[in-house]
C-alpha atoms as a PDB file:
ATOM      1  CA  MET A   1     -13.403 -19.606   1.437  1.00  0.00           C
ATOM      2  CA  SER A   2     -11.451 -21.328   4.346  1.00  0.00           C
ATOM      3  CA  ILE A   3      -8.125 -21.516   5.957  1.00  0.00           C
ATOM      4  CA  PRO A   4      -6.748 -24.260   7.930  1.00  0.00           C
ATOM      5  CA  SER A   5      -8.588 -25.311  11.071  1.00  0.00           C
ATOM      6  CA  ASP A   6      -5.298 -25.828  12.790  1.00  0.00           C
ATOM      7  CA  ARG A   7      -3.319 -23.281  14.524  1.00  0.00           C
ATOM      8  CA  HIS A   8       0.153 -22.675  15.735  1.00  0.00           C
ATOM      9  CA  ARG A   9       1.769 -20.618  18.569  1.00  0.00           C
ATOM     10  CA  LEU A  10       3.387 -17.271  17.537  1.00  0.00           C
ATOM     11  CA  ALA A  11       4.637 -15.457  20.679  1.00  0.00           C
ATOM     12  CA  ASP A  12       1.733 -14.961  23.057  1.00  0.00           C
ATOM     13  CA  ARG A  13      -1.022 -16.219  20.880  1.00  0.00           C
ATOM     14  CA  MET A  14      -2.187 -18.829  18.547  1.00  0.00           C
ATOM     15  CA  VAL A  15      -2.759 -18.040  14.932  1.00  0.00           C
ATOM     16  CA  TRP A  16      -4.084 -19.662  11.794  1.00  0.00           C
ATOM     17  CA  ARG A  17      -1.499 -21.102   9.735  1.00  0.00           C
ATOM     18  CA  VAL A  18      -2.111 -19.187   6.673  1.00  0.00           C
ATOM     19  CA  GLY A  19      -1.427 -15.579   7.177  1.00  0.00           C
ATOM     20  CA  TYR A  20      -0.681 -12.522   4.945  1.00  0.00           C
ATOM     21  CA  GLY A  21       2.759 -10.842   3.990  1.00  0.00           C
ATOM     22  CA  ALA A  22       1.958  -7.290   3.312  1.00  0.00           C
ATOM     23  CA  MET A  23       5.419  -6.398   1.481  1.00  0.00           C
ATOM     24  CA  GLN A  24       3.738  -6.474  -2.129  1.00  0.00           C
ATOM     25  CA  LEU A  25       1.339  -3.345  -1.049  1.00  0.00           C
ATOM     26  CA  ALA A  26       4.145  -1.022  -1.748  1.00  0.00           C
ATOM     27  CA  GLY A  27       5.234   0.057  -4.918  1.00  0.00           C
ATOM     28  CA  PRO A  28       7.557  -1.103  -7.491  1.00  0.00           C
ATOM     29  CA  GLY A  29      10.849  -2.220  -5.792  1.00  0.00           C
ATOM     30  CA  VAL A  30       9.015  -2.246  -2.504  1.00  0.00           C
ATOM     31  CA  SER A  31       9.245   1.584  -2.491  1.00  0.00           C
ATOM     32  CA  GLY A  32       6.721   4.217  -2.577  1.00  0.00           C
ATOM     33  CA  PRO A  33       2.868   4.156  -2.569  1.00  0.00           C
ATOM     34  CA  PRO A  34       0.839   1.181  -4.189  1.00  0.00           C
ATOM     35  CA  ARG A  35      -0.313   1.305  -7.776  1.00  0.00           C
ATOM     36  CA  ASP A  36      -3.831   1.095  -6.476  1.00  0.00           C
ATOM     37  CA  HIS A  37      -4.437   2.469  -2.936  1.00  0.00           C
ATOM     38  CA  ASP A  38      -8.156   1.650  -2.571  1.00  0.00           C
ATOM     39  CA  GLU A  39      -7.230  -1.993  -3.781  1.00  0.00           C
ATOM     40  CA  ALA A  40      -4.604  -2.219  -1.128  1.00  0.00           C
ATOM     41  CA  ILE A  41      -6.934  -1.121   1.577  1.00  0.00           C
ATOM     42  CA  ALA A  42      -9.485  -3.583   0.315  1.00  0.00           C
ATOM     43  CA  VAL A  43      -6.889  -6.634   0.204  1.00  0.00           C
ATOM     44  CA  LEU A  44      -6.205  -5.940   3.925  1.00  0.00           C
ATOM     45  CA  ARG A  45      -9.714  -5.782   4.927  1.00  0.00           C
ATOM     46  CA  ALA A  46     -10.602  -8.832   2.825  1.00  0.00           C
ATOM     47  CA  ALA A  47      -7.820 -10.788   4.550  1.00  0.00           C
ATOM     48  CA  ILE A  48      -9.134  -9.959   7.954  1.00  0.00           C
ATOM     49  CA  ASP A  49     -12.733 -10.776   6.970  1.00  0.00           C
ATOM     50  CA  ALA A  50     -11.836 -14.186   5.729  1.00  0.00           C
ATOM     51  CA  GLY A  51     -10.159 -14.968   9.049  1.00  0.00           C
ATOM     52  CA  VAL A  52      -6.464 -14.147   8.807  1.00  0.00           C
ATOM     53  CA  ASP A  53      -4.959 -13.109  12.233  1.00  0.00           C
ATOM     54  CA  HIS A  54      -1.415 -12.871  11.395  1.00  0.00           C
ATOM     55  CA  ILE A  55       0.124 -10.088   9.204  1.00  0.00           C
ATOM     56  CA  ASP A  56       3.687  -9.806   8.252  1.00  0.00           C
ATOM     57  CA  THR A  57       5.086  -6.324   7.645  1.00  0.00           C
ATOM     58  CA  ALA A  58       8.107  -4.088   8.105  1.00  0.00           C
ATOM     59  CA  HIS A  59       8.575  -0.236   8.597  1.00  0.00           C
ATOM     60  CA  TYR A  60      11.133  -0.282   5.684  1.00  0.00           C
ATOM     61  CA  TYR A  61       8.608  -1.462   3.280  1.00  0.00           C
ATOM     62  CA  GLY A  62       7.867   1.661   1.450  1.00  0.00           C
ATOM     63  CA  PRO A  63       9.521   2.991   3.752  1.00  0.00           C
ATOM     64  CA  ALA A  64       6.503   3.502   6.178  1.00  0.00           C
ATOM     65  CA  VAL A  65       3.980   2.991   3.148  1.00  0.00           C
ATOM     66  CA  VAL A  66       2.864  -0.548   4.126  1.00  0.00           C
ATOM     67  CA  ASN A  67       2.494   0.023   7.854  1.00  0.00           C
ATOM     68  CA  GLU A  68       0.406   3.232   7.125  1.00  0.00           C
ATOM     69  CA  LEU A  69      -1.847   1.325   4.888  1.00  0.00           C
ATOM     70  CA  ILE A  70      -2.370  -1.489   7.458  1.00  0.00           C
ATOM     71  CA  ARG A  71      -3.161   1.176  10.096  1.00  0.00           C
ATOM     72  CA  GLU A  72      -5.508   3.056   7.581  1.00  0.00           C
ATOM     73  CA  ALA A  73      -7.280  -0.190   6.709  1.00  0.00           C
ATOM     74  CA  LEU A  74      -7.483  -1.940   9.922  1.00  0.00           C
ATOM     75  CA  PHE A  75      -7.146   0.460  13.039  1.00  0.00           C
ATOM     76  CA  PRO A  76      -8.555  -0.257  15.610  1.00  0.00           C
ATOM     77  CA  TYR A  77      -7.231  -3.702  15.205  1.00  0.00           C
ATOM     78  CA  PRO A  78      -9.160  -6.792  15.889  1.00  0.00           C
ATOM     79  CA  ASP A  79      -8.127  -8.125  19.424  1.00  0.00           C
ATOM     80  CA  ASP A  80      -6.676 -11.396  17.807  1.00  0.00           C
ATOM     81  CA  LEU A  81      -4.474  -9.865  14.990  1.00  0.00           C
ATOM     82  CA  ALA A  82      -0.835 -10.737  15.368  1.00  0.00           C
ATOM     83  CA  LEU A  83       1.108  -7.953  13.814  1.00  0.00           C
ATOM     84  CA  VAL A  84       4.776  -9.032  13.150  1.00  0.00           C
ATOM     85  CA  SER A  85       7.411  -6.931  11.746  1.00  0.00           C
ATOM     86  CA  LYS A  86      11.222  -7.102  11.051  1.00  0.00           C
ATOM     87  CA  VAL A  87      14.231  -5.025  11.604  1.00  0.00           C
ATOM     88  CA  GLY A  88      17.580  -4.838  10.578  1.00  0.00           C
ATOM     89  CA  GLY A  89      17.542  -2.810   7.339  1.00  0.00           C
ATOM     90  CA  ARG A  90      16.366   0.425   5.698  1.00  0.00           C
ATOM     91  CA  ARG A  91      15.777   1.890   2.317  1.00  0.00           C
ATOM     92  CA  ASP A  92      17.360   4.891   0.885  1.00  0.00           C
ATOM     93  CA  GLU A  93      15.765   7.362  -1.566  1.00  0.00           C
ATOM     94  CA  ARG A  94      16.314   5.270  -4.381  1.00  0.00           C
ATOM     95  CA  GLY A  95      14.684   2.146  -2.723  1.00  0.00           C
ATOM     96  CA  ALA A  96      17.985   0.298  -2.239  1.00  0.00           C
ATOM     97  CA  PHE A  97      18.305  -1.931   0.843  1.00  0.00           C
ATOM     98  CA  LEU A  98      20.852  -0.917   3.222  1.00  0.00           C
ATOM     99  CA  PRO A  99      21.959  -2.440   6.562  1.00  0.00           C
ATOM    100  CA  TYR A 100      20.509  -0.663   9.645  1.00  0.00           C
ATOM    101  CA  ASN A 101      21.324  -3.147  12.433  1.00  0.00           C
ATOM    102  CA  ASP A 102      23.475  -1.557  15.120  1.00  0.00           C
ATOM    103  CA  PRO A 103      21.758  -2.307  18.659  1.00  0.00           C
ATOM    104  CA  ASP A 104      20.489   1.214  18.890  1.00  0.00           C
ATOM    105  CA  GLN A 105      19.295   1.223  15.146  1.00  0.00           C
ATOM    106  CA  LEU A 106      17.336  -2.030  15.851  1.00  0.00           C
ATOM    107  CA  ARG A 107      15.609  -0.276  18.851  1.00  0.00           C
ATOM    108  CA  MET A 108      14.719   2.811  16.693  1.00  0.00           C
ATOM    109  CA  GLY A 109      13.477   0.357  13.926  1.00  0.00           C
ATOM    110  CA  ILE A 110      11.123  -1.283  16.535  1.00  0.00           C
ATOM    111  CA  GLU A 111       9.893   2.148  17.668  1.00  0.00           C
ATOM    112  CA  ASP A 112       9.332   3.217  14.016  1.00  0.00           C
ATOM    113  CA  ASN A 113       7.084   0.174  13.523  1.00  0.00           C
ATOM    114  CA  LEU A 114       5.153   1.093  16.718  1.00  0.00           C
ATOM    115  CA  VAL A 115       4.598   4.682  15.444  1.00  0.00           C
ATOM    116  CA  THR A 116       3.472   3.878  11.872  1.00  0.00           C
ATOM    117  CA  LEU A 117       1.271   0.979  12.745  1.00  0.00           C
ATOM    118  CA  GLY A 118      -0.229   2.872  15.850  1.00  0.00           C
ATOM    119  CA  VAL A 119       0.255   0.267  18.559  1.00  0.00           C
ATOM    120  CA  GLU A 120       2.282  -0.143  21.804  1.00  0.00           C
ATOM    121  CA  ALA A 121       3.567  -3.389  21.089  1.00  0.00           C
ATOM    122  CA  LEU A 122       3.995  -6.066  18.545  1.00  0.00           C
ATOM    123  CA  THR A 123       3.384  -9.825  18.680  1.00  0.00           C
ATOM    124  CA  ALA A 124       7.078 -10.244  17.291  1.00  0.00           C
ATOM    125  CA  VAL A 125       9.929  -8.684  15.646  1.00  0.00           C
ATOM    126  CA  ASN A 126      12.329 -10.484  13.399  1.00  0.00           C
ATOM    127  CA  LEU A 127      16.020  -9.797  13.306  1.00  0.00           C
ATOM    128  CA  ARG A 128      16.792  -9.943   9.580  1.00  0.00           C
ATOM    129  CA  LEU A 129      20.376 -10.796   9.172  1.00  0.00           C
ATOM    130  CA  LEU A 130      22.338 -10.038   6.058  1.00  0.00           C
ATOM    131  CA  ASP A 131      24.053 -12.960   4.301  1.00  0.00           C
ATOM    132  CA  ASP A 132      27.110 -14.178   5.892  1.00  0.00           C
ATOM    133  CA  ALA A 133      26.512 -12.520   9.137  1.00  0.00           C
ATOM    134  CA  PRO A 134      28.657 -13.736  12.050  1.00  0.00           C
ATOM    135  CA  VAL A 135      27.324 -16.156  14.716  1.00  0.00           C
ATOM    136  CA  ASP A 136      28.862 -14.533  17.722  1.00  0.00           C
ATOM    137  CA  GLY A 137      29.877 -11.042  18.846  1.00  0.00           C
ATOM    138  CA  ARG A 138      27.694  -8.581  16.771  1.00  0.00           C
ATOM    139  CA  PHE A 139      24.805 -11.142  16.561  1.00  0.00           C
ATOM    140  CA  VAL A 140      24.633 -11.437  20.284  1.00  0.00           C
ATOM    141  CA  ASP A 141      24.711  -7.745  20.732  1.00  0.00           C
ATOM    142  CA  GLN A 142      21.980  -7.322  18.225  1.00  0.00           C
ATOM    143  CA  LEU A 143      19.775 -10.049  20.115  1.00  0.00           C
ATOM    144  CA  GLY A 144      20.321  -8.253  23.201  1.00  0.00           C
ATOM    145  CA  ALA A 145      18.723  -5.130  21.672  1.00  0.00           C
ATOM    146  CA  LEU A 146      15.468  -7.302  20.930  1.00  0.00           C
ATOM    147  CA  VAL A 147      15.707  -8.749  24.503  1.00  0.00           C
ATOM    148  CA  THR A 148      15.718  -5.326  26.017  1.00  0.00           C
ATOM    149  CA  ALA A 149      12.668  -4.253  23.723  1.00  0.00           C
ATOM    150  CA  ARG A 150      10.715  -7.331  24.839  1.00  0.00           C
ATOM    151  CA  ASP A 151      11.766  -6.632  28.490  1.00  0.00           C
ATOM    152  CA  ASP A 152      10.382  -3.222  27.940  1.00  0.00           C
ATOM    153  CA  GLY A 153       7.012  -4.387  26.739  1.00  0.00           C
ATOM    154  CA  LEU A 154       7.424  -3.326  22.972  1.00  0.00           C
ATOM    155  CA  ILE A 155       7.283  -6.675  21.515  1.00  0.00           C
ATOM    156  CA  ALA A 156       5.941 -10.065  22.861  1.00  0.00           C
ATOM    157  CA  GLY A 157       8.523 -12.352  21.062  1.00  0.00           C
ATOM    158  CA  ILE A 158      11.761 -12.301  19.182  1.00  0.00           C
ATOM    159  CA  GLY A 159      12.227 -13.921  15.791  1.00  0.00           C
ATOM    160  CA  ILE A 160      15.254 -14.166  13.399  1.00  0.00           C
ATOM    161  CA  SER A 161      15.283 -14.130   9.631  1.00  0.00           C
ATOM    162  CA  ASN A 162      17.878 -15.155   6.913  1.00  0.00           C
ATOM    163  CA  VAL A 163      19.733 -17.500   9.501  1.00  0.00           C
ATOM    164  CA  THR A 164      21.734 -20.631   9.379  1.00  0.00           C
ATOM    165  CA  HIS A 165      21.114 -23.522  11.732  1.00  0.00           C
ATOM    166  CA  ARG A 166      24.296 -22.346  13.691  1.00  0.00           C
ATOM    167  CA  HIS A 167      22.750 -18.794  14.005  1.00  0.00           C
ATOM    168  CA  LEU A 168      19.273 -20.369  15.603  1.00  0.00           C
ATOM    169  CA  LEU A 169      21.298 -22.535  18.001  1.00  0.00           C
ATOM    170  CA  ARG A 170      23.359 -19.651  18.984  1.00  0.00           C
ATOM    171  CA  ALA A 171      20.303 -17.274  19.452  1.00  0.00           C
ATOM    172  CA  LEU A 172      18.515 -19.925  21.634  1.00  0.00           C
ATOM    173  CA  GLU A 173      21.667 -19.954  23.892  1.00  0.00           C
ATOM    174  CA  VAL A 174      20.778 -16.198  24.399  1.00  0.00           C
ATOM    175  CA  THR A 175      17.020 -15.944  24.481  1.00  0.00           C
ATOM    176  CA  ASP A 176      13.626 -17.698  23.415  1.00  0.00           C
ATOM    177  CA  ILE A 177      12.950 -17.574  19.760  1.00  0.00           C
ATOM    178  CA  VAL A 178       9.405 -17.390  18.626  1.00  0.00           C
ATOM    179  CA  CYS A 179       9.681 -17.765  15.012  1.00  0.00           C
ATOM    180  CA  VAL A 180      12.241 -17.962  11.972  1.00  0.00           C
ATOM    181  CA  GLN A 181      11.695 -16.575   8.617  1.00  0.00           C
ATOM    182  CA  ASN A 182      13.953 -18.145   6.012  1.00  0.00           C
ATOM    183  CA  ALA A 183      13.831 -18.869   2.265  1.00  0.00           C
ATOM    184  CA  TYR A 184      12.035 -22.339   1.813  1.00  0.00           C
ATOM    185  CA  SER A 185      10.037 -23.743  -0.862  1.00  0.00           C
ATOM    186  CA  LEU A 186       9.759 -26.980  -2.943  1.00  0.00           C
ATOM    187  CA  ALA A 187      12.636 -25.891  -5.170  1.00  0.00           C
ATOM    188  CA  ASP A 188      14.900 -24.639  -2.284  1.00  0.00           C
ATOM    189  CA  ARG A 189      15.136 -26.611   0.860  1.00  0.00           C
ATOM    190  CA  SER A 190      18.672 -25.443   2.026  1.00  0.00           C
ATOM    191  CA  SER A 191      16.991 -24.278   5.321  1.00  0.00           C
ATOM    192  CA  GLN A 192      15.922 -27.821   6.007  1.00  0.00           C
ATOM    193  CA  PRO A 193      18.173 -28.134   9.059  1.00  0.00           C
ATOM    194  CA  VAL A 194      16.595 -24.850  10.518  1.00  0.00           C
ATOM    195  CA  LEU A 195      13.023 -26.038   9.957  1.00  0.00           C
ATOM    196  CA  ASP A 196      13.759 -29.428  11.439  1.00  0.00           C
ATOM    197  CA  GLU A 197      15.325 -27.848  14.651  1.00  0.00           C
ATOM    198  CA  CYS A 198      12.338 -25.286  14.860  1.00  0.00           C
ATOM    199  CA  ARG A 199       9.787 -28.192  14.662  1.00  0.00           C
ATOM    200  CA  ALA A 200      11.598 -30.193  17.281  1.00  0.00           C
ATOM    201  CA  ARG A 201      11.284 -27.042  19.711  1.00  0.00           C
ATOM    202  CA  GLY A 202       7.863 -25.966  18.662  1.00  0.00           C
ATOM    203  CA  ILE A 203       9.061 -22.734  17.060  1.00  0.00           C
ATOM    204  CA  ALA A 204       7.052 -21.276  14.079  1.00  0.00           C
ATOM    205  CA  PHE A 205       8.770 -21.541  10.876  1.00  0.00           C
ATOM    206  CA  VAL A 206       7.650 -18.933   8.233  1.00  0.00           C
ATOM    207  CA  PRO A 207       9.021 -19.396   4.963  1.00  0.00           C
ATOM    208  CA  PHE A 208       9.570 -16.544   2.502  1.00  0.00           C
ATOM    209  CA  GLY A 209       9.865 -17.106  -1.231  1.00  0.00           C
ATOM    210  CA  PRO A 210       7.301 -20.055  -0.955  1.00  0.00           C
ATOM    211  CA  LEU A 211       7.046 -20.315  -4.754  1.00  0.00           C
ATOM    212  CA  GLY A 212      10.867 -20.133  -5.082  1.00  0.00           C
ATOM    213  CA  TRP A 213      12.949 -18.278  -7.777  1.00  0.00           C
ATOM    214  CA  PRO A 214      12.386 -18.365 -10.488  1.00  0.00           C
ATOM    215  CA  LYS A 215       8.702 -18.865  -9.775  1.00  0.00           C
ATOM    216  CA  ASP A 216       8.177 -20.816 -12.947  1.00  0.00           C
ATOM    217  CA  ALA A 217      10.535 -23.593 -11.908  1.00  0.00           C
ATOM    218  CA  ILE A 218       7.838 -24.612  -9.550  1.00  0.00           C
ATOM    219  CA  ARG A 219       4.469 -23.341 -11.268  1.00  0.00           C
ATOM    220  CA  THR A 220       5.488 -25.325 -14.728  1.00  0.00           C
ATOM    221  CA  HIS A 221       6.928 -28.367 -13.228  1.00  0.00           C
ATOM    222  CA  PRO A 222       4.889 -31.382 -14.457  1.00  0.00           C
ATOM    223  CA  VAL A 223       4.527 -33.033 -11.109  1.00  0.00           C
ATOM    224  CA  VAL A 224       3.061 -29.835  -9.616  1.00  0.00           C
ATOM    225  CA  THR A 225       0.813 -29.158 -12.688  1.00  0.00           C
ATOM    226  CA  HIS A 226      -0.388 -32.950 -12.449  1.00  0.00           C
ATOM    227  CA  VAL A 227      -1.145 -32.651  -8.719  1.00  0.00           C
ATOM    228  CA  ALA A 228      -2.933 -29.219  -9.223  1.00  0.00           C
ATOM    229  CA  THR A 229      -5.080 -30.672 -12.266  1.00  0.00           C
ATOM    230  CA  SER A 230      -6.199 -33.610 -10.121  1.00  0.00           C
ATOM    231  CA  HIS A 231      -7.480 -31.322  -7.424  1.00  0.00           C
ATOM    232  CA  GLY A 232      -8.724 -28.472  -9.695  1.00  0.00           C
ATOM    233  CA  ALA A 233      -6.254 -26.183  -8.175  1.00  0.00           C
ATOM    234  CA  THR A 234      -3.506 -23.995  -9.175  1.00  0.00           C
ATOM    235  CA  PRO A 235       0.280 -24.836  -9.245  1.00  0.00           C
ATOM    236  CA  ALA A 236       0.791 -22.153  -6.688  1.00  0.00           C
ATOM    237  CA  GLN A 237      -1.901 -23.346  -4.393  1.00  0.00           C
ATOM    238  CA  VAL A 238      -0.173 -26.914  -4.419  1.00  0.00           C
ATOM    239  CA  ALA A 239       3.212 -25.556  -3.616  1.00  0.00           C
ATOM    240  CA  LEU A 240       1.510 -23.718  -0.554  1.00  0.00           C
ATOM    241  CA  ALA A 241      -0.379 -26.828   0.354  1.00  0.00           C
ATOM    242  CA  TRP A 242       2.794 -28.595   0.348  1.00  0.00           C
ATOM    243  CA  LEU A 243       4.464 -26.414   2.648  1.00  0.00           C
ATOM    244  CA  LEU A 244       1.541 -26.646   5.233  1.00  0.00           C
ATOM    245  CA  ALA A 245       1.719 -30.560   4.676  1.00  0.00           C
ATOM    246  CA  ILE A 246       5.268 -31.068   5.378  1.00  0.00           C
ATOM    247  CA  ALA A 247       5.687 -29.779   9.074  1.00  0.00           C
ATOM    248  CA  ASP A 248       2.965 -28.483  11.454  1.00  0.00           C
ATOM    249  CA  ASN A 249       4.932 -25.642  12.584  1.00  0.00           C
ATOM    250  CA  VAL A 250       5.042 -23.926   9.226  1.00  0.00           C
ATOM    251  CA  LEU A 251       3.192 -20.645   9.035  1.00  0.00           C
ATOM    252  CA  LEU A 252       2.537 -19.198   5.515  1.00  0.00           C
ATOM    253  CA  ILE A 253       2.529 -15.302   4.670  1.00  0.00           C
ATOM    254  CA  PRO A 254       2.019 -15.325   1.051  1.00  0.00           C
ATOM    255  CA  GLY A 255       1.588 -11.724  -0.158  1.00  0.00           C
ATOM    256  CA  THR A 256      -0.405 -10.134  -2.887  1.00  0.00           C
ATOM    257  CA  SER A 257      -1.868  -6.794  -3.759  1.00  0.00           C
ATOM    258  CA  SER A 258      -5.146  -8.099  -5.340  1.00  0.00           C
ATOM    259  CA  ARG A 259      -8.184  -9.725  -3.661  1.00  0.00           C
ATOM    260  CA  GLY A 260      -8.574 -12.364  -6.209  1.00  0.00           C
ATOM    261  CA  HIS A 261      -5.057 -13.579  -5.603  1.00  0.00           C
ATOM    262  CA  LEU A 262      -5.616 -13.195  -1.895  1.00  0.00           C
ATOM    263  CA  ALA A 263      -8.701 -15.646  -2.260  1.00  0.00           C
ATOM    264  CA  ASP A 264      -6.582 -18.112  -4.259  1.00  0.00           C
ATOM    265  CA  ASN A 265      -3.778 -18.023  -1.577  1.00  0.00           C
ATOM    266  CA  LEU A 266      -6.147 -18.607   1.340  1.00  0.00           C
ATOM    267  CA  ALA A 267      -7.829 -21.413  -0.488  1.00  0.00           C
ATOM    268  CA  ALA A 268      -4.564 -23.290  -0.344  1.00  0.00           C
ATOM    269  CA  GLY A 269      -5.178 -23.896   3.354  1.00  0.00           C
ATOM    270  CA  SER A 270      -7.905 -25.976   2.543  1.00  0.00           C
ATOM    271  CA  LEU A 271      -6.216 -28.014  -0.199  1.00  0.00           C
ATOM    272  CA  SER A 272      -5.528 -31.530   1.329  1.00  0.00           C
ATOM    273  CA  LEU A 273      -2.672 -33.380  -0.559  1.00  0.00           C
ATOM    274  CA  GLU A 274      -2.589 -37.138  -0.354  1.00  0.00           C
ATOM    275  CA  PRO A 275       0.521 -38.825   1.306  1.00  0.00           C
ATOM    276  CA  ASP A 276       1.764 -40.151  -2.069  1.00  0.00           C
ATOM    277  CA  GLU A 277       1.274 -36.790  -3.701  1.00  0.00           C
ATOM    278  CA  ILE A 278       3.436 -35.159  -0.923  1.00  0.00           C
ATOM    279  CA  THR A 279       6.055 -37.763  -1.575  1.00  0.00           C
ATOM    280  CA  HIS A 280       6.045 -37.132  -5.341  1.00  0.00           C
ATOM    281  CA  LEU A 281       6.255 -33.370  -4.792  1.00  0.00           C
ATOM    282  CA  THR A 282       9.165 -33.616  -2.570  1.00  0.00           C
ATOM    283  CA  ASP A 283      11.049 -36.081  -4.719  1.00  0.00           C
ATOM    284  CA  ALA A 284      10.348 -34.023  -7.875  1.00  0.00           C
ATOM    285  CA  PHE A 285      12.925 -31.359  -7.206  1.00  0.00           C
ATOM    286  CA  ASP A 286      16.644 -31.702  -6.978  1.00  0.00           C
ATOM    287  CA  THR A 287      17.289 -29.330  -4.082  1.00  0.00           C
ATOM    288  CA  PRO A 288      20.236 -28.519  -1.752  1.00  0.00           C
END
């Protein structure tokens, strides 16, 4: 098994371009304990054994469940492991996602992550915006809370998530941004201006939903399946490899709760697509 031989900067370190997203380790609806606790622990350890050095998580996964699994499986952490989390929301007792994004709540969210992960500082924390969030006023105040946390040594870098191009430009007027997490896939390139801006500035772009919604729209597309067959790969691996191929600042965080699926995801990092295949894949989807 191998992951890409190239790296990209993420805050204060360089990481492999295929990481691991831990959200799926929680129970149904990202709430409660995993269906298989031992497998969840094994997946995390297998990721590290395979060379993964970037794990994406959040205290509100569970809540607290996923962070506690990470700590149980991996503490004391490898020196080169980048732990990245996000703030801006919480889950109620029924698992519903609610805003938790006043500046003092953002600070509390960062501190909750530090406690449940058992660390003194995180590599980066993403400010997760709600849809249609304003670009000024409240957004600037929220960024200020993360700037203070960085200045206090709680985080090495500030990221933003679910943002528009205008949000990114406004954030860059306030502070340095080390990563952006937005929905992006073969079937959804609405964040192309954000990706382009990040690439021009050397900012890591971390796509969530890399297989699109619904996932079958990508996995069953004839162009994707044809490329997959020609490489002896799966359609999902082709979709992930395409993301790595289109921009050198893309960092993947595919998630899974099984070791077999983890191995498949990481293998996408060594799948080399031909230039004409990349073009055909790009042209195959009518995207915004």
